[in-house]
Amino acid sequence: MGIFKRNLWMLFWLVVAVGVLVLSFILTSIWQSTLRAQEAHHQSRVELISQSAINVLRTQELILDVAAAELVRQDLVNATPEVLPFLDNIMEASPALAGFGMALPDGQLVKVTSTVDVSLMPNLLEQEESRDGFQRAMKSDRLVVAAPTICRRSGPGLFPPAKPSGMPTAK
């Protein structure tokens, strides 16, 4: 009877050990499967957000090209600061824009939407926060997204995407 009890306990512990191993294997497999599914899900989300951001930036680049071409067409490339209604019309087509304008190569904003008070806007080359981004934009033929620029006097931030238009210098 003693051998039978001893073998019974050994059989019990063997079944428990095998059960724990099998359960561990099953849980590990399920966990890895879930992890792979979540990684694939998040990867697809990241790609979707990346494509959305790229599309918004491409749209803004096209909008800036259209605005620059319209400024040249209407012969409005000059150093006179003013709000241009057609810029407001262009801005309404893109809800991602809060406002935009044209700056001269010396960094002074001159043509803006009605959402921007040009008299409160600092010179983009003189303001430390905007200098690097503006200089990079002037050297590039593509859209440049700079660090957010905050106007100290007016509060809200300036639009960081910038693109040189290839327009002639101001009259």
C-alpha atoms as a PDB file:
ATOM      1  CA  MET A   1       0.000   0.000   0.000  1.00  0.00           C
ATOM      2  CA  GLY A   2       2.938   2.369   0.756  1.00  0.00           C
ATOM      3  CA  ILE A   3       4.365   1.922  -2.730  1.00  0.00           C
ATOM      4  CA  PHE A   4       0.957   2.576  -4.260  1.00  0.00           C
ATOM      5  CA  LYS A   5       0.571   5.874  -2.264  1.00  0.00           C
ATOM      6  CA  ARG A   6       4.113   6.895  -3.186  1.00  0.00           C
ATOM      7  CA  ASN A   7       3.505   6.173  -6.885  1.00  0.00           C
ATOM      8  CA  LEU A   8       0.171   7.962  -6.693  1.00  0.00           C
ATOM      9  CA  TRP A   9       1.803  11.120  -5.315  1.00  0.00           C
ATOM     10  CA  MET A  10       4.576  10.894  -7.898  1.00  0.00           C
ATOM     11  CA  LEU A  11       1.969  10.507 -10.622  1.00  0.00           C
ATOM     12  CA  PHE A  12       0.071  13.507  -9.174  1.00  0.00           C
ATOM     13  CA  TRP A  13       3.191  15.709  -9.196  1.00  0.00           C
ATOM     14  CA  LEU A  14       4.073  14.520 -12.689  1.00  0.00           C
ATOM     15  CA  VAL A  15       0.595  15.449 -13.949  1.00  0.00           C
ATOM     16  CA  VAL A  16       0.837  18.851 -12.183  1.00  0.00           C
ATOM     17  CA  ALA A  17       4.287  19.525 -13.687  1.00  0.00           C
ATOM     18  CA  VAL A  18       3.181  18.497 -17.180  1.00  0.00           C
ATOM     19  CA  GLY A  19       0.004  20.574 -16.770  1.00  0.00           C
ATOM     20  CA  VAL A  20       2.002  23.642 -15.714  1.00  0.00           C
ATOM     21  CA  LEU A  21       4.352  23.203 -18.680  1.00  0.00           C
ATOM     22  CA  VAL A  22       1.496  22.768 -21.144  1.00  0.00           C
ATOM     23  CA  LEU A  23      -0.392  25.729 -19.650  1.00  0.00           C
ATOM     24  CA  SER A  24       2.779  27.867 -19.784  1.00  0.00           C
ATOM     25  CA  PHE A  25       3.309  26.922 -23.425  1.00  0.00           C
ATOM     26  CA  ILE A  26      -0.311  27.702 -24.322  1.00  0.00           C
ATOM     27  CA  LEU A  27      -0.284  31.049 -22.476  1.00  0.00           C
ATOM     28  CA  THR A  28       3.027  32.035 -24.050  1.00  0.00           C
ATOM     29  CA  SER A  29       1.701  31.186 -27.524  1.00  0.00           C
ATOM     30  CA  ILE A  30      -1.493  33.169 -26.934  1.00  0.00           C
ATOM     31  CA  TRP A  31       0.477  36.098 -25.533  1.00  0.00           C
ATOM     32  CA  GLN A  32       2.863  36.146 -28.517  1.00  0.00           C
ATOM     33  CA  SER A  33      -0.056  35.907 -30.947  1.00  0.00           C
ATOM     34  CA  THR A  34      -1.808  38.799 -29.228  1.00  0.00           C
ATOM     35  CA  LEU A  35       1.408  40.809 -29.193  1.00  0.00           C
ATOM     36  CA  ARG A  36       1.952  40.252 -32.941  1.00  0.00           C
ATOM     37  CA  ALA A  37      -1.655  41.252 -33.677  1.00  0.00           C
ATOM     38  CA  GLN A  38      -1.336  44.435 -31.610  1.00  0.00           C
ATOM     39  CA  GLU A  39       2.000  45.319 -33.204  1.00  0.00           C
ATOM     40  CA  ALA A  40       0.480  44.869 -36.667  1.00  0.00           C
ATOM     41  CA  HIS A  41      -2.524  46.981 -35.645  1.00  0.00           C
ATOM     42  CA  HIS A  42      -0.349  49.782 -34.259  1.00  0.00           C
ATOM     43  CA  GLN A  43       1.990  49.630 -37.246  1.00  0.00           C
ATOM     44  CA  SER A  44      -0.946  50.122 -39.598  1.00  0.00           C
ATOM     45  CA  ARG A  45      -2.152  53.040 -37.462  1.00  0.00           C
ATOM     46  CA  VAL A  46       1.295  54.653 -37.548  1.00  0.00           C
ATOM     47  CA  GLU A  47       1.435  54.270 -41.329  1.00  0.00           C
ATOM     48  CA  LEU A  48      -2.051  55.768 -41.665  1.00  0.00           C
ATOM     49  CA  ILE A  49      -1.166  58.756 -39.490  1.00  0.00           C
ATOM     50  CA  SER A  50       2.123  59.178 -41.353  1.00  0.00           C
ATOM     51  CA  GLN A  51       0.336  59.220 -44.708  1.00  0.00           C
ATOM     52  CA  SER A  52      -2.231  61.682 -43.363  1.00  0.00           C
ATOM     53  CA  ALA A  53       0.499  64.027 -42.138  1.00  0.00           C
ATOM     54  CA  ILE A  54       2.348  63.759 -45.461  1.00  0.00           C
ATOM     55  CA  ASN A  55      -0.879  64.527 -47.353  1.00  0.00           C
ATOM     56  CA  VAL A  56      -1.604  67.568 -45.181  1.00  0.00           C
ATOM     57  CA  LEU A  57       1.921  68.879 -45.759  1.00  0.00           C
ATOM     58  CA  ARG A  58       1.677  68.258 -49.518  1.00  0.00           C
ATOM     59  CA  THR A  59      -1.638  70.093 -49.567  1.00  0.00           C
ATOM     60  CA  GLN A  60      -0.110  73.004 -47.679  1.00  0.00           C
ATOM     61  CA  GLU A  61       2.807  73.045 -50.107  1.00  0.00           C
ATOM     62  CA  LEU A  62       0.395  73.214 -53.047  1.00  0.00           C
ATOM     63  CA  ILE A  63      -1.612  75.941 -51.333  1.00  0.00           C
ATOM     64  CA  LEU A  64       1.563  77.974 -50.805  1.00  0.00           C
ATOM     65  CA  ASP A  65       2.472  77.475 -54.491  1.00  0.00           C
ATOM     66  CA  VAL A  66      -0.982  78.671 -55.572  1.00  0.00           C
ATOM     67  CA  ALA A  67      -0.831  81.665 -53.239  1.00  0.00           C
ATOM     68  CA  ALA A  68       2.627  82.647 -54.514  1.00  0.00           C
ATOM     69  CA  ALA A  69       1.533  82.306 -58.140  1.00  0.00           C
ATOM     70  CA  GLU A  70      -1.540  84.436 -57.443  1.00  0.00           C
ATOM     71  CA  LEU A  71       0.580  87.103 -55.753  1.00  0.00           C
ATOM     72  CA  VAL A  72       2.802  87.271 -58.832  1.00  0.00           C
ATOM     73  CA  ARG A  73      -0.190  87.199 -61.208  1.00  0.00           C
ATOM     74  CA  GLN A  74      -1.869  90.090 -59.382  1.00  0.00           C
ATOM     75  CA  ASP A  75       1.461  91.958 -59.162  1.00  0.00           C
ATOM     76  CA  LEU A  76       1.220  92.110 -55.367  1.00  0.00           C
ATOM     77  CA  VAL A  77       4.838  91.255 -54.616  1.00  0.00           C
ATOM     78  CA  ASN A  78       5.951  94.367 -52.777  1.00  0.00           C
ATOM     79  CA  ALA A  79       6.984  95.478 -49.312  1.00  0.00           C
ATOM     80  CA  THR A  80       3.598  96.998 -48.427  1.00  0.00           C
ATOM     81  CA  PRO A  81       2.120  95.114 -45.437  1.00  0.00           C
ATOM     82  CA  GLU A  82      -1.505  94.239 -46.126  1.00  0.00           C
ATOM     83  CA  VAL A  83      -4.241  91.680 -45.619  1.00  0.00           C
ATOM     84  CA  LEU A  84      -5.244  90.000 -48.862  1.00  0.00           C
ATOM     85  CA  PRO A  85      -8.797  88.642 -49.132  1.00  0.00           C
ATOM     86  CA  PHE A  86      -7.842  85.998 -51.714  1.00  0.00           C
ATOM     87  CA  LEU A  87      -5.466  84.501 -49.132  1.00  0.00           C
ATOM     88  CA  ASP A  88      -8.473  84.096 -46.819  1.00  0.00           C
ATOM     89  CA  ASN A  89     -10.305  82.268 -49.620  1.00  0.00           C
ATOM     90  CA  ILE A  90      -7.359  79.925 -50.094  1.00  0.00           C
ATOM     91  CA  MET A  91      -7.065  79.370 -46.343  1.00  0.00           C
ATOM     92  CA  GLU A  92     -10.754  78.405 -46.077  1.00  0.00           C
ATOM     93  CA  ALA A  93     -10.093  75.514 -48.452  1.00  0.00           C
ATOM     94  CA  SER A  94      -7.711  73.954 -45.937  1.00  0.00           C
ATOM     95  CA  PRO A  95      -9.025  73.622 -42.372  1.00  0.00           C
ATOM     96  CA  ALA A  96      -5.515  72.630 -41.222  1.00  0.00           C
ATOM     97  CA  LEU A  97      -4.365  76.235 -41.685  1.00  0.00           C
ATOM     98  CA  ALA A  98      -4.953  78.820 -38.991  1.00  0.00           C
ATOM     99  CA  GLY A  99      -3.416  81.589 -41.070  1.00  0.00           C
ATOM    100  CA  PHE A 100      -0.538  82.220 -43.402  1.00  0.00           C
ATOM    101  CA  GLY A 101       1.334  84.924 -45.172  1.00  0.00           C
ATOM    102  CA  MET A 102       4.273  85.896 -47.319  1.00  0.00           C
ATOM    103  CA  ALA A 103       7.523  87.107 -45.840  1.00  0.00           C
ATOM    104  CA  LEU A 104      10.204  88.957 -47.715  1.00  0.00           C
ATOM    105  CA  PRO A 105      13.714  87.478 -47.831  1.00  0.00           C
ATOM    106  CA  ASP A 106      14.635  89.889 -45.028  1.00  0.00           C
ATOM    107  CA  GLY A 107      12.115  88.071 -42.768  1.00  0.00           C
ATOM    108  CA  GLN A 108       9.354  90.691 -42.629  1.00  0.00           C
ATOM    109  CA  LEU A 109       5.785  89.418 -43.123  1.00  0.00           C
ATOM    110  CA  VAL A 110       4.003  91.582 -45.659  1.00  0.00           C
ATOM    111  CA  LYS A 111       1.049  89.708 -47.187  1.00  0.00           C
ATOM    112  CA  VAL A 112      -1.142  87.844 -44.709  1.00  0.00           C
ATOM    113  CA  THR A 113      -4.596  86.432 -44.117  1.00  0.00           C
ATOM    114  CA  SER A 114      -7.106  88.349 -42.008  1.00  0.00           C
ATOM    115  CA  THR A 115      -6.376  86.006 -39.074  1.00  0.00           C
ATOM    116  CA  VAL A 116      -2.877  87.475 -38.748  1.00  0.00           C
ATOM    117  CA  ASP A 117      -2.186  90.988 -37.496  1.00  0.00           C
ATOM    118  CA  VAL A 118       0.877  91.888 -39.530  1.00  0.00           C
ATOM    119  CA  SER A 119       1.688  94.850 -37.271  1.00  0.00           C
ATOM    120  CA  LEU A 120       2.179  92.485 -34.321  1.00  0.00           C
ATOM    121  CA  MET A 121       4.267  89.926 -36.191  1.00  0.00           C
ATOM    122  CA  PRO A 122       7.998  90.040 -35.535  1.00  0.00           C
ATOM    123  CA  ASN A 123      10.628  89.826 -38.215  1.00  0.00           C
ATOM    124  CA  LEU A 124      11.211  86.106 -38.787  1.00  0.00           C
ATOM    125  CA  LEU A 125      14.982  86.560 -39.056  1.00  0.00           C
ATOM    126  CA  GLU A 126      15.188  88.662 -35.903  1.00  0.00           C
ATOM    127  CA  GLN A 127      13.082  86.378 -33.700  1.00  0.00           C
ATOM    128  CA  GLU A 128      15.283  83.605 -32.289  1.00  0.00           C
ATOM    129  CA  GLU A 129      12.536  80.946 -32.408  1.00  0.00           C
ATOM    130  CA  SER A 130      11.852  81.426 -36.127  1.00  0.00           C
ATOM    131  CA  ARG A 131      15.303  82.297 -37.479  1.00  0.00           C
ATOM    132  CA  ASP A 132      16.605  78.759 -38.133  1.00  0.00           C
ATOM    133  CA  GLY A 133      13.405  77.522 -39.764  1.00  0.00           C
ATOM    134  CA  PHE A 134      13.109  80.623 -41.948  1.00  0.00           C
ATOM    135  CA  GLN A 135      16.732  80.372 -43.081  1.00  0.00           C
ATOM    136  CA  ARG A 136      16.276  76.654 -43.880  1.00  0.00           C
ATOM    137  CA  ALA A 137      13.148  77.483 -45.865  1.00  0.00           C
ATOM    138  CA  MET A 138      14.968  80.163 -47.856  1.00  0.00           C
ATOM    139  CA  LYS A 139      17.673  77.653 -48.840  1.00  0.00           C
ATOM    140  CA  SER A 140      15.225  74.904 -49.828  1.00  0.00           C
ATOM    141  CA  ASP A 141      12.968  74.476 -52.813  1.00  0.00           C
ATOM    142  CA  ARG A 142      10.658  72.196 -50.822  1.00  0.00           C
ATOM    143  CA  LEU A 143       8.282  72.768 -47.935  1.00  0.00           C
ATOM    144  CA  VAL A 144      10.166  73.102 -44.648  1.00  0.00           C
ATOM    145  CA  VAL A 145       8.433  72.496 -41.330  1.00  0.00           C
ATOM    146  CA  ALA A 146      10.182  74.407 -38.596  1.00  0.00           C
ATOM    147  CA  ALA A 147       9.732  74.447 -34.849  1.00  0.00           C
ATOM    148  CA  PRO A 148       6.521  76.221 -33.758  1.00  0.00           C
ATOM    149  CA  THR A 149       7.032  79.955 -33.675  1.00  0.00           C
ATOM    150  CA  ILE A 150       5.268  81.973 -31.002  1.00  0.00           C
ATOM    151  CA  CYS A 151       4.762  85.664 -31.446  1.00  0.00           C
ATOM    152  CA  ARG A 152       5.482  87.187 -28.079  1.00  0.00           C
ATOM    153  CA  ARG A 153       3.245  90.176 -28.620  1.00  0.00           C
ATOM    154  CA  SER A 154       0.228  88.563 -30.199  1.00  0.00           C
ATOM    155  CA  GLY A 155       0.121  85.248 -28.349  1.00  0.00           C
ATOM    156  CA  PRO A 156      -0.838  82.504 -30.789  1.00  0.00           C
ATOM    157  CA  GLY A 157       1.763  80.653 -32.769  1.00  0.00           C
ATOM    158  CA  LEU A 158       2.866  81.348 -36.284  1.00  0.00           C
ATOM    159  CA  PHE A 159       2.501  78.652 -38.887  1.00  0.00           C
ATOM    160  CA  PRO A 160       5.760  76.708 -39.093  1.00  0.00           C
ATOM    161  CA  PRO A 161       5.515  75.320 -42.656  1.00  0.00           C
ATOM    162  CA  ALA A 162       7.456  77.601 -44.985  1.00  0.00           C
ATOM    163  CA  LYS A 163       8.426  77.431 -48.620  1.00  0.00           C
ATOM    164  CA  PRO A 164      10.351  79.857 -50.814  1.00  0.00           C
ATOM    165  CA  SER A 165       8.242  80.750 -53.801  1.00  0.00           C
ATOM    166  CA  GLY A 166      10.892  81.710 -56.302  1.00  0.00           C
ATOM    167  CA  MET A 167       9.087  85.014 -56.669  1.00  0.00           C
ATOM    168  CA  PRO A 168      10.983  88.141 -57.607  1.00  0.00           C
ATOM    169  CA  THR A 169      12.092  90.352 -54.749  1.00  0.00           C
ATOM    170  CA  ALA A 170       9.766  93.082 -53.513  1.00  0.00           C
ATOM    171  CA  LYS A 171       9.476  96.300 -55.455  1.00  0.00           C
END
